[in-house]
């Protein structure tokens, strides 16, 4: 719906975004992906410093744009991309804290579903507990792409929290329910995709262990993130 663009958050024009958008949280990581992996990348949005680029990867037209932190932020950007800019697929690429002890640092978790403590789903007329799911097509492609790259991609439920510093300490209970990892964006992305009839997937690299305090160094994070980016680009 071109009449709805540009928006207060996105200065891109109709057609500026590819069918698939990779969505890291950090605008600087969006810039890194564009400069490292995309050919002929063009900056299509820089409102509030939330950088969006479109270029090609192995001959495919691909976009990358940051989401910011938390469900309210990714909720805005993904809603506009799905409903105003005609984007079909959004792949979140971010970090997560491990909940299951069977995971290791650098593992890539593919969120089949996303538990949440957020009220984001109430806008869609459902007041119960919502646990939205990813696109199975994107999920299966990501697992295959991970195998080809030698990455350990683990599918399962995520927990999308509204609180980074959560005084209710829910991770022990979530571990008993089989939740793999905690992050802050997937649930809102999945709900927006479901309502729009579009596709979404969250790929999250395990960067830390909230139970032990163990975490990746800056150098290790760069290497691990690169592998996750390649998986997302391969399925774009």
Protein backbone atom coordinates (compact mmCIF):
# COMPACT_ATOMS: atom_id res chain seq x y z
CA UNK A 1 0.00 0.00 0.00
CA UNK A 2 2.16 2.78 -1.33
CA UNK A 3 -0.18 5.44 0.12
CA UNK A 4 1.11 4.51 3.59
CA UNK A 5 4.78 5.15 2.77
CA UNK A 6 7.12 6.68 3.64
CA UNK A 7 6.33 6.34 7.35
CA UNK A 8 7.59 8.27 10.39
CA UNK A 9 10.13 5.47 10.87
CA UNK A 10 11.06 4.52 7.31
CA UNK A 11 11.92 6.86 4.44
CA UNK A 12 12.18 4.08 1.81
CA UNK A 13 10.07 4.27 -1.34
CA UNK A 14 7.85 1.55 -2.81
CA UNK A 15 10.02 -1.21 -4.24
CA UNK A 16 13.12 -0.27 -2.24
CA UNK A 17 12.98 -3.46 -0.15
CA UNK A 18 13.51 -6.97 -1.46
CA UNK A 19 11.01 -9.78 -0.87
CA UNK A 20 13.17 -11.00 2.05
CA UNK A 21 14.58 -8.76 4.79
CA UNK A 22 17.20 -9.84 7.31
CA UNK A 23 16.62 -8.06 10.61
CA UNK A 24 19.40 -7.76 13.21
CA UNK A 25 18.73 -5.65 16.27
CA UNK A 26 21.77 -3.40 15.92
CA UNK A 27 21.88 -0.79 13.10
CA UNK A 28 25.66 -1.13 12.95
CA UNK A 29 25.30 -4.86 12.36
CA UNK A 30 22.91 -4.07 9.51
CA UNK A 31 25.65 -1.91 8.03
CA UNK A 32 28.22 -4.68 8.58
CA UNK A 33 26.08 -7.24 6.73
CA UNK A 34 25.52 -4.87 3.81
CA UNK A 35 29.21 -4.06 3.50
CA UNK A 36 30.47 -7.61 4.04
CA UNK A 37 28.00 -9.77 2.15
CA UNK A 38 25.90 -7.72 -0.27
CA UNK A 39 26.91 -6.51 -3.70
CA UNK A 40 25.84 -3.05 -4.85
CA UNK A 41 24.19 -2.35 -1.50
CA UNK A 42 22.15 0.86 -1.40
CA UNK A 43 21.05 2.62 1.80
CA UNK A 44 17.25 2.87 1.56
CA UNK A 45 16.45 4.01 5.10
CA UNK A 46 18.35 5.83 7.84
CA UNK A 47 15.56 7.41 9.90
CA UNK A 48 16.63 7.49 13.57
CA UNK A 49 19.84 5.78 12.48
CA UNK A 50 18.00 2.50 11.81
CA UNK A 51 19.86 1.57 8.69
CA UNK A 52 18.21 -0.41 5.90
CA UNK A 53 20.04 -1.61 2.80
CA UNK A 54 19.13 -3.50 -0.36
CA UNK A 55 21.64 -5.32 -2.54
CA UNK A 56 22.30 -8.76 -3.98
CA UNK A 57 23.74 -11.95 -2.48
CA UNK A 58 24.75 -14.72 -4.90
CA UNK A 59 22.53 -13.09 -7.48
CA UNK A 60 19.48 -12.79 -5.21
CA UNK A 61 18.03 -9.42 -4.23
CA UNK A 62 18.11 -9.16 -0.42
CA UNK A 63 17.50 -6.41 2.12
CA UNK A 64 18.76 -5.95 5.65
CA UNK A 65 17.39 -3.50 8.19
CA UNK A 66 17.76 -3.19 11.95
CA UNK A 67 14.84 -3.75 14.32
CA UNK A 68 16.09 -2.03 17.45
CA UNK A 69 15.66 -3.70 20.84
CA UNK A 70 12.45 -5.23 22.16
CA UNK A 71 9.03 -6.14 20.85
CA UNK A 72 7.60 -2.60 20.54
CA UNK A 73 10.49 -1.69 18.23
CA UNK A 74 10.52 -4.78 16.00
CA UNK A 75 6.72 -4.62 16.06
CA UNK A 76 6.79 -1.24 14.30
CA UNK A 77 9.39 -2.09 11.68
CA UNK A 78 8.13 -5.56 10.82
CA UNK A 79 4.50 -4.35 10.63
CA UNK A 80 5.44 -1.65 8.16
CA UNK A 81 7.60 -3.98 6.06
CA UNK A 82 4.91 -6.67 5.87
CA UNK A 83 1.89 -4.42 5.39
CA UNK A 84 3.18 -1.30 3.63
CA UNK A 85 6.30 -2.35 1.72
CA UNK A 86 5.13 -5.74 0.45
CA UNK A 87 7.88 -7.77 2.16
CA UNK A 88 7.09 -11.50 2.31
CA UNK A 89 9.81 -12.89 4.58
CA UNK A 90 11.58 -11.42 7.62
CA UNK A 91 14.43 -13.34 9.23
CA UNK A 92 15.50 -12.03 12.62
CA UNK A 93 19.22 -12.59 13.26
CA UNK A 94 20.22 -11.85 16.81
CA UNK A 95 21.54 -13.21 20.08
CA UNK A 96 19.95 -15.20 22.88
CA UNK A 97 20.79 -16.45 26.30
CA UNK A 98 20.72 -20.22 26.69
CA UNK A 99 18.01 -21.72 28.88
CA UNK A 100 18.62 -25.42 28.21
CA UNK A 101 21.94 -26.77 29.58
CA UNK A 102 22.29 -29.02 26.52
CA UNK A 103 23.05 -25.95 24.41
CA UNK A 104 26.53 -24.54 23.92
CA UNK A 105 27.86 -21.08 23.21
CA UNK A 106 27.84 -20.41 19.44
CA UNK A 107 24.94 -22.79 18.78
CA UNK A 108 22.29 -21.28 16.52
CA UNK A 109 18.73 -21.63 17.78
CA UNK A 110 15.88 -21.54 15.26
CA UNK A 111 12.73 -20.44 17.04
CA UNK A 112 9.87 -22.80 16.18
CA UNK A 113 7.64 -20.81 18.52
CA UNK A 114 7.98 -17.96 21.00
CA UNK A 115 6.60 -17.96 24.52
CA UNK A 116 6.22 -14.42 25.84
CA UNK A 117 5.25 -12.32 28.84
CA UNK A 118 4.23 -9.50 26.51
CA UNK A 119 0.70 -8.16 26.01
CA UNK A 120 1.49 -7.58 22.31
CA UNK A 121 -1.02 -10.23 21.18
CA UNK A 122 -4.00 -8.56 22.85
CA UNK A 123 -4.37 -6.16 19.94
CA UNK A 124 -5.46 -9.12 17.83
CA UNK A 125 -8.44 -9.82 20.08
CA UNK A 126 -7.03 -12.73 22.09
CA UNK A 127 -6.61 -12.23 25.83
CA UNK A 128 -5.17 -15.64 26.67
CA UNK A 129 -1.58 -16.81 26.48
CA UNK A 130 -0.20 -16.60 22.94
CA UNK A 131 2.74 -18.65 21.66
CA UNK A 132 3.11 -17.77 17.95
CA UNK A 133 5.02 -19.97 15.53
CA UNK A 134 7.56 -19.40 12.78
CA UNK A 135 7.29 -20.25 9.09
CA UNK A 136 7.98 -23.96 8.66
CA UNK A 137 9.34 -23.35 5.16
CA UNK A 138 11.97 -20.92 6.44
CA UNK A 139 12.73 -23.17 9.41
CA UNK A 140 13.39 -26.26 7.30
CA UNK A 141 15.54 -24.27 4.89
CA UNK A 142 17.57 -22.85 7.78
CA UNK A 143 18.28 -26.29 9.22
CA UNK A 144 19.45 -27.54 5.82
CA UNK A 145 21.58 -24.45 5.26
CA UNK A 146 23.12 -24.83 8.70
CA UNK A 147 24.10 -28.41 8.00
CA UNK A 148 25.75 -27.37 4.74
CA UNK A 149 27.79 -24.75 6.63
CA UNK A 150 28.68 -27.10 9.47
CA UNK A 151 26.65 -25.10 12.01
CA UNK A 152 24.70 -26.63 14.88
CA UNK A 153 21.18 -25.29 14.28
CA UNK A 154 18.81 -26.35 17.07
CA UNK A 155 15.05 -25.92 16.49
CA UNK A 156 12.71 -25.34 19.42
CA UNK A 157 10.78 -22.76 21.45
CA UNK A 158 12.17 -19.36 22.40
CA UNK A 159 11.07 -17.07 25.21
CA UNK A 160 10.56 -13.44 24.15
CA UNK A 161 10.75 -11.26 27.23
CA UNK A 162 9.67 -7.66 27.69
CA UNK A 163 12.20 -7.38 30.52
CA UNK A 164 15.96 -7.63 30.17
CA UNK A 165 16.34 -7.36 33.95
CA UNK A 166 13.45 -9.57 35.06
CA UNK A 167 12.81 -9.59 38.82
CA UNK A 168 10.38 -12.53 38.47
CA UNK A 169 13.27 -14.84 37.43
CA UNK A 170 11.23 -17.12 35.12
CA UNK A 171 14.08 -18.98 33.39
CA UNK A 172 14.11 -21.98 35.72
CA UNK A 173 10.42 -22.67 35.07
CA UNK A 174 10.89 -22.13 31.33
CA UNK A 175 13.80 -24.57 31.31
CA UNK A 176 11.49 -27.22 32.78
CA UNK A 177 9.04 -26.54 29.94
CA UNK A 178 11.70 -27.14 27.27
CA UNK A 179 12.29 -23.54 26.22
CA UNK A 180 15.70 -23.31 24.52
CA UNK A 181 16.71 -19.68 24.89
CA UNK A 182 15.61 -16.20 25.92
CA UNK A 183 15.54 -13.11 23.67
CA UNK A 184 13.32 -10.05 23.24
CA UNK A 185 11.84 -9.80 19.73
CA UNK A 186 10.61 -13.04 18.11
CA UNK A 187 7.06 -13.19 19.49
CA UNK A 188 6.03 -9.79 18.11
CA UNK A 189 7.63 -10.59 14.76
CA UNK A 190 5.78 -13.92 14.55
CA UNK A 191 2.44 -12.35 15.48
CA UNK A 192 2.81 -9.63 12.85
CA UNK A 193 3.70 -12.25 10.25
CA UNK A 194 0.70 -14.41 11.17
CA UNK A 195 -1.72 -11.47 10.97
CA UNK A 196 -0.29 -10.32 7.62
CA UNK A 197 -0.18 -13.84 6.15
CA UNK A 198 3.59 -13.55 5.73
CA UNK A 199 6.65 -15.57 6.85
CA UNK A 200 9.02 -15.03 9.75
CA UNK A 201 11.86 -16.86 11.45
CA UNK A 202 14.17 -15.96 14.34
CA UNK A 203 17.73 -17.28 14.17
CA UNK A 204 19.60 -16.54 17.38
CA UNK A 205 23.20 -17.29 18.24
CA UNK A 206 23.71 -18.38 21.84
CA UNK A 207 25.92 -15.66 23.26
CA UNK A 208 25.67 -16.22 26.99
CA UNK A 209 24.44 -18.42 29.84
CA UNK A 210 22.27 -16.43 32.28
CA UNK A 211 22.59 -19.18 34.90
CA UNK A 212 26.39 -19.23 35.03
CA UNK A 213 27.42 -15.84 33.64
CA UNK A 214 29.44 -17.52 30.87
CA UNK A 215 29.54 -15.51 27.65
CA UNK A 216 31.29 -15.01 24.34
CA UNK A 217 34.09 -12.51 23.90
CA UNK A 218 33.68 -9.73 21.33
CA UNK A 219 35.89 -11.63 18.87
CA UNK A 220 33.96 -14.87 19.33
CA UNK A 221 30.66 -13.07 18.86
CA UNK A 222 31.83 -11.66 15.54
CA UNK A 223 32.72 -15.11 14.20
CA UNK A 224 29.50 -16.72 15.45
CA UNK A 225 27.31 -13.93 14.14
CA UNK A 226 28.89 -14.26 10.71
CA UNK A 227 27.88 -17.92 10.52
CA UNK A 228 24.30 -17.06 11.48
CA UNK A 229 24.23 -14.33 8.84
CA UNK A 230 25.36 -16.75 6.15
CA UNK A 231 22.56 -19.17 7.04
CA UNK A 232 19.98 -16.39 6.79
CA UNK A 233 21.40 -15.12 3.50
CA UNK A 234 21.42 -18.62 2.01
CA UNK A 235 17.68 -19.04 2.64
CA UNK A 236 16.70 -15.50 1.64
